[in-house]
PDB file of N, CA and C in Angstrom:
ATOM      1  N   MET A   1       2.832  -5.945  -5.357  1.00  0.00           N
ATOM      2  CA  MET A   1       2.127  -7.049  -4.316  1.00  0.00           C
ATOM      3  C   MET A   1       2.001  -8.274  -4.314  1.00  0.00           C
ATOM      4  N   ALA A   2       1.338  -9.386  -5.451  1.00  0.00           N
ATOM      5  CA  ALA A   2       1.870 -10.628  -4.976  1.00  0.00           C
ATOM      6  C   ALA A   2       3.286 -11.119  -4.615  1.00  0.00           C
ATOM      7  N   GLY A   3       3.827 -10.686  -5.265  1.00  0.00           N
ATOM      8  CA  GLY A   3       5.289 -10.679  -4.684  1.00  0.00           C
ATOM      9  C   GLY A   3       5.728 -10.495  -3.111  1.00  0.00           C
ATOM     10  N   LEU A   4       4.857  -9.875  -2.787  1.00  0.00           N
ATOM     11  CA  LEU A   4       4.639  -9.665  -1.225  1.00  0.00           C
ATOM     12  C   LEU A   4       3.985 -10.415  -0.075  1.00  0.00           C
ATOM     13  N   ILE A   5       3.020 -10.616  -0.905  1.00  0.00           N
ATOM     14  CA  ILE A   5       2.028 -11.682  -0.454  1.00  0.00           C
ATOM     15  C   ILE A   5       2.646 -13.422  -0.290  1.00  0.00           C
ATOM     16  N   ALA A   6       3.438 -13.486  -1.359  1.00  0.00           N
ATOM     17  CA  ALA A   6       3.911 -14.398  -1.587  1.00  0.00           C
ATOM     18  C   ALA A   6       4.856 -14.887  -0.556  1.00  0.00           C
ATOM     19  N   ASN A   7       5.581 -13.695  -0.391  1.00  0.00           N
ATOM     20  CA  ASN A   7       6.557 -13.851   0.484  1.00  0.00           C
ATOM     21  C   ASN A   7       6.475 -14.108   1.857  1.00  0.00           C
ATOM     22  N   VAL A   8       5.342 -13.266   2.112  1.00  0.00           N
ATOM     23  CA  VAL A   8       4.945 -12.903   3.234  1.00  0.00           C
ATOM     24  C   VAL A   8       4.064 -14.565   3.793  1.00  0.00           C
ATOM     25  N   THR A   9       3.478 -15.507   2.968  1.00  0.00           N
ATOM     26  CA  THR A   9       2.676 -16.615   2.807  1.00  0.00           C
ATOM     27  C   THR A   9       4.080 -17.708   3.786  1.00  0.00           C
ATOM     28  N   GLU A  10       5.278 -17.664   2.988  1.00  0.00           N
ATOM     29  CA  GLU A  10       6.397 -18.431   2.582  1.00  0.00           C
ATOM     30  C   GLU A  10       7.212 -18.161   4.072  1.00  0.00           C
ATOM     31  N   MET A  11       7.561 -17.368   4.607  1.00  0.00           N
ATOM     32  CA  MET A  11       7.462 -16.354   5.917  1.00  0.00           C
ATOM     33  C   MET A  11       6.994 -17.481   6.845  1.00  0.00           C
ATOM     34  N   ILE A  12       5.310 -17.187   6.165  1.00  0.00           N
ATOM     35  CA  ILE A  12       4.663 -18.236   7.527  1.00  0.00           C
ATOM     36  C   ILE A  12       4.590 -19.486   7.774  1.00  0.00           C
ATOM     37  N   ARG A  13       5.048 -20.280   6.380  1.00  0.00           N
ATOM     38  CA  ARG A  13       5.251 -21.003   6.224  1.00  0.00           C
ATOM     39  C   ARG A  13       6.528 -22.206   7.009  1.00  0.00           C
ATOM     40  N   LEU A  14       7.685 -20.837   6.401  1.00  0.00           N
ATOM     41  CA  LEU A  14       9.140 -21.364   6.887  1.00  0.00           C
ATOM     42  C   LEU A  14       9.110 -21.373   8.546  1.00  0.00           C
ATOM     43  N   PHE A  15       8.383 -19.691   9.468  1.00  0.00           N
ATOM     44  CA  PHE A  15       8.187 -20.407  10.690  1.00  0.00           C
ATOM     45  C   PHE A  15       7.317 -21.312  11.043  1.00  0.00           C
ATOM     46  N   THR A  16       6.715 -21.574  10.382  1.00  0.00           N
ATOM     47  CA  THR A  16       6.186 -23.358  11.163  1.00  0.00           C
ATOM     48  C   THR A  16       6.541 -23.584  11.428  1.00  0.00           C
ATOM     49  N   ASP A  17       7.109 -24.617  10.317  1.00  0.00           N
ATOM     50  CA  ASP A  17       8.036 -25.610  10.139  1.00  0.00           C
ATOM     51  C   ASP A  17       9.310 -25.673  11.351  1.00  0.00           C
ATOM     52  N   ILE A  18       9.385 -23.933  11.378  1.00  0.00           N
ATOM     53  CA  ILE A  18      10.687 -24.349  11.906  1.00  0.00           C
ATOM     54  C   ILE A  18      10.410 -24.481  13.635  1.00  0.00           C
ATOM     55  N   ALA A  19       9.272 -23.866  14.050  1.00  0.00           N
ATOM     56  CA  ALA A  19       8.708 -24.586  15.755  1.00  0.00           C
ATOM     57  C   ALA A  19       7.429 -25.742  15.575  1.00  0.00           C
ATOM     58  N   ALA A  20       8.121 -26.498  14.388  1.00  0.00           N
ATOM     59  CA  ALA A  20       7.498 -27.863  14.627  1.00  0.00           C
ATOM     60  C   ALA A  20       7.512 -28.686  14.873  1.00  0.00           C
ATOM     61  N   VAL A  21       9.924 -28.106  14.811  1.00  0.00           N
ATOM     62  CA  VAL A  21      10.888 -28.881  14.759  1.00  0.00           C
ATOM     63  C   VAL A  21      10.730 -29.441  16.123  1.00  0.00           C
ATOM     64  N   ASN A  22      10.880 -29.011  17.564  1.00  0.00           N
ATOM     65  CA  ASN A  22      11.090 -29.316  18.849  1.00  0.00           C
ATOM     66  C   ASN A  22      10.341 -28.533  19.479  1.00  0.00           C
ATOM     67  N   PRO A  23       9.850 -27.889  21.086  1.00  0.00           N
ATOM     68  CA  PRO A  23       9.321 -27.745  21.986  1.00  0.00           C
ATOM     69  C   PRO A  23      10.720 -26.441  22.369  1.00  0.00           C
ATOM     70  N   VAL A  24      11.769 -26.346  21.850  1.00  0.00           N
ATOM     71  CA  VAL A  24      12.815 -24.959  22.214  1.00  0.00           C
ATOM     72  C   VAL A  24      12.453 -24.454  21.528  1.00  0.00           C
ATOM     73  N   SER A  25      12.452 -24.776  20.028  1.00  0.00           N
ATOM     74  CA  SER A  25      12.583 -23.483  18.921  1.00  0.00           C
ATOM     75  C   SER A  25      11.460 -22.985  18.873  1.00  0.00           C
ATOM     76  N   ALA A  26      10.101 -23.533  18.980  1.00  0.00           N
ATOM     77  CA  ALA A  26       8.167 -22.953  19.377  1.00  0.00           C
ATOM     78  C   ALA A  26       8.746 -21.878  20.718  1.00  0.00           C
ATOM     79  N   PHE A  27       9.563 -22.162  21.092  1.00  0.00           N
ATOM     80  CA  PHE A  27       9.315 -21.335  22.722  1.00  0.00           C
ATOM     81  C   PHE A  27       9.957 -19.962  22.260  1.00  0.00           C
ATOM     82  N   LEU A  28      11.134 -20.665  21.906  1.00  0.00           N
ATOM     83  CA  LEU A  28      12.297 -19.188  21.108  1.00  0.00           C
ATOM     84  C   LEU A  28      11.545 -18.407  20.171  1.00  0.00           C
ATOM     85  N   LEU A  29      10.776 -19.068  19.072  1.00  0.00           N
ATOM     86  CA  LEU A  29      10.459 -17.869  18.709  1.00  0.00           C
ATOM     87  C   LEU A  29       8.776 -17.449  18.830  1.00  0.00           C
ATOM     88  N   LEU A  30       8.718 -17.673  20.040  1.00  0.00           N
ATOM     89  CA  LEU A  30       7.437 -17.113  20.446  1.00  0.00           C
ATOM     90  C   LEU A  30       8.053 -15.626  22.021  1.00  0.00           C
ATOM     91  N   VAL A  31       9.201 -15.729  22.191  1.00  0.00           N
ATOM     92  CA  VAL A  31       9.908 -14.800  23.181  1.00  0.00           C
ATOM     93  C   VAL A  31      10.076 -13.800  21.838  1.00  0.00           C
ATOM     94  N   GLY A  32      10.670 -14.343  20.970  1.00  0.00           N
ATOM     95  CA  GLY A  32      11.397 -13.556  19.526  1.00  0.00           C
ATOM     96  C   GLY A  32       9.749 -13.011  19.190  1.00  0.00           C
ATOM     97  N   VAL A  33       9.304 -13.160  19.234  1.00  0.00           N
ATOM     98  CA  VAL A  33       7.374 -12.297  18.028  1.00  0.00           C
ATOM     99  C   VAL A  33       6.588 -11.872  19.227  1.00  0.00           C
ATOM    100  N   LEU A  34       7.489 -12.271  20.874  1.00  0.00           N
ATOM    101  CA  LEU A  34       6.919 -10.706  21.897  1.00  0.00           C
ATOM    102  C   LEU A  34       8.082 -10.021  21.746  1.00  0.00           C
ATOM    103  N   LEU A  35       8.931 -10.339  21.860  1.00  0.00           N
ATOM    104  CA  LEU A  35      10.378  -9.097  21.869  1.00  0.00           C
ATOM    105  C   LEU A  35      10.172  -8.414  21.499  1.00  0.00           C
ATOM    106  N   ILE A  36       9.880  -8.404  20.477  1.00  0.00           N
ATOM    107  CA  ILE A  36       9.657  -8.063  19.098  1.00  0.00           C
ATOM    108  C   ILE A  36       8.875  -7.231  18.727  1.00  0.00           C
ATOM    109  N   GLY A  37       7.316  -7.446  19.219  1.00  0.00           N
ATOM    110  CA  GLY A  37       6.319  -7.175  18.745  1.00  0.00           C
ATOM    111  C   GLY A  37       5.929  -5.875  20.377  1.00  0.00           C
ATOM    112  N   PHE A  38       6.922  -6.128  20.758  1.00  0.00           N
ATOM    113  CA  PHE A  38       6.741  -5.082  22.620  1.00  0.00           C
ATOM    114  C   PHE A  38       7.431  -3.753  22.202  1.00  0.00           C
ATOM    115  N   SER A  39       8.293  -3.989  21.536  1.00  0.00           N
ATOM    116  CA  SER A  39       9.280  -3.165  21.124  1.00  0.00           C
ATOM    117  C   SER A  39       8.624  -1.859  19.962  1.00  0.00           C
ATOM    118  N   SER A  40       8.366  -2.921  18.690  1.00  0.00           N
ATOM    119  CA  SER A  40       7.088  -1.896  18.389  1.00  0.00           C
ATOM    120  C   SER A  40       5.930  -1.253  18.507  1.00  0.00           C
ATOM    121  N   LEU A  41       5.404  -1.683  19.365  1.00  0.00           N
ATOM    122  CA  LEU A  41       4.709  -1.432  19.792  1.00  0.00           C
ATOM    123  C   LEU A  41       5.105  -0.289  21.054  1.00  0.00           C
ATOM    124  N   PHE A  42       5.848  -0.373  21.649  1.00  0.00           N
ATOM    125  CA  PHE A  42       6.379   0.643  22.808  1.00  0.00           C
ATOM    126  C   PHE A  42       7.028   1.967  22.487  1.00  0.00           C
ATOM    127  N   PHE A  43       7.884   1.373  20.343  1.00  0.00           N
ATOM    128  CA  PHE A  43       8.243   2.471  20.177  1.00  0.00           C
ATOM    129  C   PHE A  43       6.818   3.524  19.194  1.00  0.00           C
ATOM    130  N   GLY A  44       6.119   2.558  18.678  1.00  0.00           N
ATOM    131  CA  GLY A  44       5.094   3.839  17.930  1.00  0.00           C
ATOM    132  C   GLY A  44       4.128   4.357  19.350  1.00  0.00           C
ATOM    133  N   TYR A  45       4.217   4.204  20.239  1.00  0.00           N
ATOM    134  CA  TYR A  45       3.475   5.187  21.798  1.00  0.00           C
ATOM    135  C   TYR A  45       4.158   5.798  21.989  1.00  0.00           C
ATOM    136  N   LEU A  46       5.449   6.126  21.755  1.00  0.00           N
ATOM    137  CA  LEU A  46       6.484   7.318  22.219  1.00  0.00           C
ATOM    138  C   LEU A  46       6.669   7.545  20.993  1.00  0.00           C
ATOM    139  N   ALA A  47       5.963   7.225  19.611  1.00  0.00           N
ATOM    140  CA  ALA A  47       6.086   8.474  18.729  1.00  0.00           C
ATOM    141  C   ALA A  47       5.499   9.310  18.350  1.00  0.00           C
ATOM    142  N   LEU A  48       4.059   7.880  18.620  1.00  0.00           N
ATOM    143  CA  LEU A  48       2.641   9.455  18.566  1.00  0.00           C
ATOM    144  C   LEU A  48       2.384  10.311  20.062  1.00  0.00           C
ATOM    145  N   GLY A  49       2.869  10.078  21.100  1.00  0.00           N
ATOM    146  CA  GLY A  49       3.785  11.159  21.714  1.00  0.00           C
ATOM    147  C   GLY A  49       3.893  12.016  21.355  1.00  0.00           C
ATOM    148  N   GLY A  50       5.112  11.741  20.949  1.00  0.00           N
ATOM    149  CA  GLY A  50       6.246  13.148  20.442  1.00  0.00           C
ATOM    150  C   GLY A  50       4.932  13.499  19.703  1.00  0.00           C
ATOM    151  N   LEU A  51       4.714  13.103  18.897  1.00  0.00           N
ATOM    152  CA  LEU A  51       3.811  13.980  17.369  1.00  0.00           C
ATOM    153  C   LEU A  51       2.236  14.885  18.341  1.00  0.00           C
ATOM    154  N   VAL A  52       2.074  13.785  18.941  1.00  0.00           N
ATOM    155  CA  VAL A  52       0.536  14.945  19.254  1.00  0.00           C
ATOM    156  C   VAL A  52       0.855  15.871  20.590  1.00  0.00           C
ATOM    157  N   SER A  53       2.741  15.726  21.523  1.00  0.00           N
ATOM    158  CA  SER A  53       2.612  16.498  22.685  1.00  0.00           C
ATOM    159  C   SER A  53       2.443  18.029  22.620  1.00  0.00           C
ATOM    160  N   PRO A  54       2.800  18.228  21.153  1.00  0.00           N
ATOM    161  CA  PRO A  54       3.601  20.104  21.041  1.00  0.00           C
ATOM    162  C   PRO A  54       1.684  20.632  20.763  1.00  0.00           C
ATOM    163  N   LEU A  55       0.428  19.350  20.649  1.00  0.00           N
ATOM    164  CA  LEU A  55      -0.629  20.256  20.303  1.00  0.00           C
ATOM    165  C   LEU A  55      -0.821  20.412  21.200  1.00  0.00           C
ATOM    166  N   ILE A  56      -0.838  19.652  22.769  1.00  0.00           N
ATOM    167  CA  ILE A  56      -1.931  20.088  24.149  1.00  0.00           C
ATOM    168  C   ILE A  56      -1.153  21.047  24.996  1.00  0.00           C
ATOM    169  N   PRO A  57      -1.908  21.486  25.483  1.00  0.00           N
ATOM    170  CA  PRO A  57      -1.519  22.892  25.699  1.00  0.00           C
ATOM    171  C   PRO A  57      -0.775  22.334  27.574  1.00  0.00           C
ATOM    172  N   ASP A  58      -0.053  23.149  28.453  1.00  0.00           N
ATOM    173  CA  ASP A  58       1.244  22.132  29.457  1.00  0.00           C
ATOM    174  C   ASP A  58      -0.972  22.897  29.989  1.00  0.00           C
ATOM    175  N   SER A  59      -0.910  23.418  30.380  1.00  0.00           N
ATOM    176  CA  SER A  59      -1.763  23.777  31.689  1.00  0.00           C
ATOM    177  C   SER A  59      -3.196  24.411  31.271  1.00  0.00           C
ATOM    178  N   PRO A  60      -3.739  22.747  31.149  1.00  0.00           N
ATOM    179  CA  PRO A  60      -5.526  22.923  30.661  1.00  0.00           C
ATOM    180  C   PRO A  60      -6.113  24.386  31.506  1.00  0.00           C
ATOM    181  N   GLY A  61      -7.158  24.516  31.369  1.00  0.00           N
ATOM    182  CA  GLY A  61      -7.800  25.652  31.366  1.00  0.00           C
ATOM    183  C   GLY A  61      -7.349  27.155  31.123  1.00  0.00           C
ATOM    184  N   ARG A  62      -7.979  28.293  31.671  1.00  0.00           N
ATOM    185  CA  ARG A  62      -7.523  29.400  31.265  1.00  0.00           C
ATOM    186  C   ARG A  62      -6.382  29.730  32.037  1.00  0.00           C
ATOM    187  N   ALA A  63      -5.769  30.892  31.627  1.00  0.00           N
ATOM    188  CA  ALA A  63      -4.607  31.189  31.899  1.00  0.00           C
ATOM    189  C   ALA A  63      -4.652  32.563  33.476  1.00  0.00           C
ATOM    190  N   PRO A  64      -3.832  32.408  34.541  1.00  0.00           N
ATOM    191  CA  PRO A  64      -3.893  32.550  35.198  1.00  0.00           C
ATOM    192  C   PRO A  64      -4.681  34.561  35.802  1.00  0.00           C
ATOM    193  N   PRO A  65      -5.074  34.962  36.155  1.00  0.00           N
ATOM    194  CA  PRO A  65      -5.058  36.108  36.057  1.00  0.00           C
ATOM    195  C   PRO A  65      -3.273  36.720  37.064  1.00  0.00           C
ATOM    196  N   ARG A  66      -3.536  38.210  36.466  1.00  0.00           N
ATOM    197  CA  ARG A  66      -1.891  39.084  36.352  1.00  0.00           C
ATOM    198  C   ARG A  66      -2.437  40.304  37.167  1.00  0.00           C
TER     199      ARG A  66
END
């Protein structure tokens, strides 16, 4: 666990150093973060919908009369 925390802090430091080089690097880093974040959230939304879908009935309420 300590190695994971050390790696994450090192990654943040390296990304900060890269973003501080010039504005183009910071912009490209921001675009990458937004693309990865949006993709992850969208995939999570679709996966959650796929897991919950079988639990929800297709027609709400009672069954139609025969």
